[in-house]
């Protein structure tokens, strides 16, 4: 085997290439990458639009703006194709949540989230079929608004669920602190180690819930803006979508 063959084999089997291949083979990974491109293009389009409004139009700026809008629309359509039929998955999760042994409050929030996402994905799918001329919807804009509203409710449920779970975890942490003080006074080394392990687990759970809270709050700006509920700045919405896309990519990479 020559040096060039060895180098090619080493590159092909490198950790970076392996992680990339695993990531790109994941449907969720591809969706998050397209979402990042979509919202980053939206952010750049907003910045160029602002520049045009302040400094005037130039051929290069108009060309960039046209390209970015086209990228945004193409990636949006691509994502709709990739998640076609995903409403069935959310319906399945909703049924499983309904019959789960979760806390009743968590179950209620989880059910609203799953059902909201089901309606959102179903409306999204109908809109795609209508755009492809496979079906005809009389009022496509109304269907899209129903989907956006369902997404908004789903995100609100996710946000409230994260807040509720953070409260519950905080109560657990307070109880653990009281137990640990008692254990330290008793000099029980084994129980102290168990408390330390539980404390670490609580810390990880809190971190994950805070991340979920931030992601839901940022994503919530998108349907709120789309429905005209709040007059949010286009740049703020695009930035929020970009940040949550990066967080989503990181989540996929961690799982890999």
Protein backbone atom coordinates (compact mmCIF):
# COMPACT_ATOMS: atom_id res chain seq x y z
CA UNK A 1 0.00 0.00 0.00
CA UNK A 2 1.43 3.36 -1.06
CA UNK A 3 1.55 6.46 1.13
CA UNK A 4 -1.26 8.07 -0.87
CA UNK A 5 -3.43 4.95 -0.37
CA UNK A 6 -2.73 4.99 3.37
CA UNK A 7 -3.55 8.69 3.55
CA UNK A 8 -6.81 8.22 1.65
CA UNK A 9 -7.79 5.33 3.95
CA UNK A 10 -6.88 7.33 7.05
CA UNK A 11 -9.00 10.28 5.87
CA UNK A 12 -11.93 8.01 4.98
CA UNK A 13 -11.85 6.42 8.44
CA UNK A 14 -11.18 9.62 10.37
CA UNK A 15 -13.52 10.67 13.16
CA UNK A 16 -14.57 13.85 11.36
CA UNK A 17 -15.62 11.96 8.23
CA UNK A 18 -17.39 9.26 10.30
CA UNK A 19 -19.36 11.88 12.26
CA UNK A 20 -20.27 13.71 9.03
CA UNK A 21 -21.46 10.51 7.31
CA UNK A 22 -23.55 9.49 10.33
CA UNK A 23 -25.00 12.99 10.55
CA UNK A 24 -25.86 13.32 6.87
CA UNK A 25 -27.43 9.83 6.85
CA UNK A 26 -29.86 11.05 9.52
CA UNK A 27 -33.09 12.58 8.24
CA UNK A 28 -33.26 14.83 11.31
CA UNK A 29 -29.66 15.92 10.70
CA UNK A 30 -30.39 16.89 7.10
CA UNK A 31 -33.53 18.75 8.18
CA UNK A 32 -31.62 20.75 10.80
CA UNK A 33 -28.90 21.61 8.28
CA UNK A 34 -31.51 22.81 5.77
CA UNK A 35 -33.28 24.75 8.53
CA UNK A 36 -30.02 26.50 9.41
CA UNK A 37 -29.51 27.46 5.77
CA UNK A 38 -33.13 28.64 5.50
CA UNK A 39 -33.08 30.95 8.52
CA UNK A 40 -29.52 32.17 7.97
CA UNK A 41 -30.50 33.12 4.41
CA UNK A 42 -33.53 34.89 5.88
CA UNK A 43 -31.26 36.77 8.31
CA UNK A 44 -28.86 37.83 5.54
CA UNK A 45 -31.80 38.88 3.34
CA UNK A 46 -33.08 41.08 6.17
CA UNK A 47 -29.64 42.67 6.63
CA UNK A 48 -29.33 43.41 2.91
CA UNK A 49 -32.88 44.80 2.82
CA UNK A 50 -31.96 47.13 5.68
CA UNK A 51 -28.84 48.19 3.83
CA UNK A 52 -30.88 48.92 0.70
CA UNK A 53 -33.41 50.98 2.68
CA UNK A 54 -30.59 53.01 4.26
CA UNK A 55 -28.11 53.34 1.39
CA UNK A 56 -30.20 52.71 -1.72
CA UNK A 57 -30.40 49.96 -4.32
CA UNK A 58 -27.43 48.63 -6.23
CA UNK A 59 -27.37 45.76 -8.78
CA UNK A 60 -25.16 43.63 -6.53
CA UNK A 61 -27.40 44.09 -3.49
CA UNK A 62 -30.54 43.28 -5.47
CA UNK A 63 -28.82 40.21 -6.93
CA UNK A 64 -27.79 38.99 -3.46
CA UNK A 65 -31.28 39.63 -2.10
CA UNK A 66 -32.92 37.67 -4.95
CA UNK A 67 -30.52 34.75 -4.44
CA UNK A 68 -31.08 34.64 -0.68
CA UNK A 69 -34.87 34.71 -1.03
CA UNK A 70 -34.63 31.87 -3.57
CA UNK A 71 -32.39 29.85 -1.20
CA UNK A 72 -34.83 30.41 1.64
CA UNK A 73 -37.83 29.28 -0.43
CA UNK A 74 -36.01 26.27 -1.89
CA UNK A 75 -34.81 25.03 1.50
CA UNK A 76 -38.27 25.57 2.99
CA UNK A 77 -39.82 23.40 0.26
CA UNK A 78 -37.06 20.80 0.66
CA UNK A 79 -37.79 20.51 4.37
CA UNK A 80 -41.51 20.12 3.69
CA UNK A 81 -40.77 17.23 1.33
CA UNK A 82 -38.43 15.55 3.85
CA UNK A 83 -40.98 15.69 6.67
CA UNK A 84 -43.98 14.63 4.56
CA UNK A 85 -46.19 12.30 6.56
CA UNK A 86 -44.46 13.09 9.83
CA UNK A 87 -47.82 14.01 11.33
CA UNK A 88 -48.44 10.26 11.71
CA UNK A 89 -45.37 10.01 13.98
CA UNK A 90 -46.65 12.84 16.20
CA UNK A 91 -50.11 11.26 16.35
CA UNK A 92 -48.51 8.01 17.46
CA UNK A 93 -46.54 9.87 20.14
CA UNK A 94 -49.76 11.61 21.27
CA UNK A 95 -51.50 8.26 21.79
CA UNK A 96 -48.49 6.89 23.68
CA UNK A 97 -48.39 10.02 25.85
CA UNK A 98 -52.10 9.64 26.64
CA UNK A 99 -51.56 6.13 28.02
CA UNK A 100 -48.21 6.81 29.66
CA UNK A 101 -47.54 6.78 33.41
CA UNK A 102 -46.32 10.39 33.48
CA UNK A 103 -47.30 13.08 35.94
CA UNK A 104 -50.79 14.32 34.91
CA UNK A 105 -49.59 17.89 34.32
CA UNK A 106 -46.65 16.73 32.20
CA UNK A 107 -48.97 14.38 30.32
CA UNK A 108 -51.38 17.24 29.52
CA UNK A 109 -48.61 19.49 28.24
CA UNK A 110 -47.08 16.60 26.28
CA UNK A 111 -50.41 15.75 24.69
CA UNK A 112 -51.04 19.35 23.61
CA UNK A 113 -47.52 19.53 22.18
CA UNK A 114 -47.85 16.30 20.17
CA UNK A 115 -51.35 17.08 18.89
CA UNK A 116 -50.31 20.63 17.96
CA UNK A 117 -47.32 19.33 16.03
CA UNK A 118 -49.56 16.76 14.31
CA UNK A 119 -51.91 19.48 13.06
CA UNK A 120 -48.96 21.68 12.04
CA UNK A 121 -47.31 18.88 10.05
CA UNK A 122 -50.63 17.86 8.47
CA UNK A 123 -51.34 21.44 7.35
CA UNK A 124 -47.76 21.67 6.08
CA UNK A 125 -48.23 18.48 4.06
CA UNK A 126 -51.53 19.67 2.58
CA UNK A 127 -49.86 22.92 1.57
CA UNK A 128 -47.07 21.00 -0.15
CA UNK A 129 -49.53 18.78 -2.06
CA UNK A 130 -51.46 21.88 -3.08
CA UNK A 131 -48.28 23.58 -4.32
CA UNK A 132 -47.44 20.45 -6.34
CA UNK A 133 -50.97 20.53 -7.88
CA UNK A 134 -51.71 17.05 -6.51
CA UNK A 135 -54.72 18.36 -4.60
CA UNK A 136 -56.64 21.60 -4.75
CA UNK A 137 -57.26 23.59 -1.57
CA UNK A 138 -59.69 26.48 -1.90
CA UNK A 139 -58.14 28.52 0.90
CA UNK A 140 -54.50 27.45 1.21
CA UNK A 141 -53.62 30.57 3.23
CA UNK A 142 -56.21 29.64 5.88
CA UNK A 143 -54.83 26.09 6.13
CA UNK A 144 -51.32 27.53 6.57
CA UNK A 145 -52.56 29.82 9.36
CA UNK A 146 -54.23 26.89 11.13
CA UNK A 147 -50.91 25.06 10.96
CA UNK A 148 -48.99 28.04 12.31
CA UNK A 149 -51.46 28.45 15.18
CA UNK A 150 -51.19 24.74 16.04
CA UNK A 151 -47.39 25.06 16.04
CA UNK A 152 -47.64 28.07 18.35
CA UNK A 153 -49.80 26.11 20.83
CA UNK A 154 -47.39 23.17 20.63
CA UNK A 155 -44.44 25.43 21.46
CA UNK A 156 -46.35 27.09 24.30
CA UNK A 157 -47.10 23.65 25.75
CA UNK A 158 -43.44 22.68 25.43
CA UNK A 159 -42.35 25.91 27.11
CA UNK A 160 -44.82 25.50 30.00
CA UNK A 161 -43.84 21.85 30.38
CA UNK A 162 -40.18 22.84 30.71
CA UNK A 163 -41.07 25.45 33.36
CA UNK A 164 -43.18 22.92 35.29
CA UNK A 165 -40.47 20.26 35.16
CA UNK A 166 -37.83 22.77 36.26
CA UNK A 167 -40.01 23.55 39.29
CA UNK A 168 -40.35 19.84 40.09
CA UNK A 169 -36.61 19.28 39.70
CA UNK A 170 -35.91 22.26 41.99
CA UNK A 171 -38.12 20.67 44.65
CA UNK A 172 -36.18 17.42 44.28
CA UNK A 173 -32.90 19.32 44.59
CA UNK A 174 -34.10 21.02 47.79
CA UNK A 175 -35.13 17.67 49.27
CA UNK A 176 -31.79 16.19 48.31
CA UNK A 177 -29.91 19.01 50.04
CA UNK A 178 -31.80 18.31 53.28
CA UNK A 179 -31.04 14.59 52.99
CA UNK A 180 -27.38 15.27 52.26
CA UNK A 181 -27.01 17.48 55.34
CA UNK A 182 -28.44 14.68 57.46
CA UNK A 183 -26.13 12.12 55.80
CA UNK A 184 -23.04 14.30 56.32
CA UNK A 185 -23.87 14.71 60.00
CA UNK A 186 -24.31 10.94 60.32
CA UNK A 187 -21.02 10.33 58.52
CA UNK A 188 -22.57 7.85 56.08
CA UNK A 189 -20.01 7.78 53.20
CA UNK A 190 -22.00 5.44 50.93
CA UNK A 191 -25.21 7.49 51.18
CA UNK A 192 -23.18 10.66 50.61
CA UNK A 193 -21.85 9.22 47.34
CA UNK A 194 -25.37 8.28 46.29
CA UNK A 195 -26.50 11.83 46.99
CA UNK A 196 -23.61 13.17 44.90
CA UNK A 197 -24.65 10.97 41.96
CA UNK A 198 -28.27 12.11 42.30
CA UNK A 199 -27.15 15.74 42.51
CA UNK A 200 -25.20 15.36 39.27
CA UNK A 201 -28.22 13.76 37.56
CA UNK A 202 -30.42 16.66 38.71
CA UNK A 203 -27.89 19.16 37.37
CA UNK A 204 -27.91 17.47 33.94
CA UNK A 205 -31.71 17.40 33.91
CA UNK A 206 -31.89 21.09 34.79
CA UNK A 207 -29.46 21.92 31.99
CA UNK A 208 -31.51 19.95 29.44
CA UNK A 209 -34.77 21.59 30.58
CA UNK A 210 -33.27 25.10 30.40
CA UNK A 211 -32.10 24.33 26.87
CA UNK A 212 -35.60 23.13 25.96
CA UNK A 213 -37.07 26.29 27.49
CA UNK A 214 -34.77 28.58 25.51
CA UNK A 215 -35.36 26.68 22.26
CA UNK A 216 -39.15 26.76 22.65
CA UNK A 217 -39.14 30.48 23.55
CA UNK A 218 -36.99 31.38 20.53
CA UNK A 219 -38.96 29.20 18.11
CA UNK A 220 -42.18 30.71 19.40
CA UNK A 221 -41.23 34.02 17.76
CA UNK A 222 -41.66 32.42 14.31
CA UNK A 223 -45.41 31.55 14.41
CA UNK A 224 -46.14 34.63 16.54
CA UNK A 225 -44.61 36.79 13.80
CA UNK A 226 -46.27 34.77 11.02
CA UNK A 227 -49.72 35.09 12.58
CA UNK A 228 -49.25 38.82 13.19
CA UNK A 229 -49.84 38.46 16.93
CA UNK A 230 -46.79 40.58 17.74
CA UNK A 231 -45.03 43.01 15.38
CA UNK A 232 -41.65 41.34 15.81
CA UNK A 233 -38.66 42.46 13.80
CA UNK A 234 -37.89 40.18 10.84
CA UNK A 235 -34.24 40.10 11.85
CA UNK A 236 -35.10 38.94 15.38
CA UNK A 237 -37.19 36.06 14.01
CA UNK A 238 -34.50 35.04 11.53
CA UNK A 239 -31.83 35.16 14.24
CA UNK A 240 -34.01 33.08 16.59
CA UNK A 241 -34.48 30.45 13.88
CA UNK A 242 -30.74 30.40 13.17
CA UNK A 243 -29.84 29.93 16.85
CA UNK A 244 -32.37 27.12 17.43
CA UNK A 245 -31.17 25.42 14.23
CA UNK A 246 -27.60 25.44 15.55
CA UNK A 247 -28.84 24.03 18.87
CA UNK A 248 -30.71 21.33 16.97
CA UNK A 249 -27.59 20.40 14.98
CA UNK A 250 -25.60 20.18 18.21
CA UNK A 251 -28.26 17.87 19.71
CA UNK A 252 -28.05 15.55 16.70
CA UNK A 253 -24.23 15.50 16.84
CA UNK A 254 -24.25 14.71 20.57
CA UNK A 255 -26.60 11.77 19.99
CA UNK A 256 -24.30 10.46 17.27
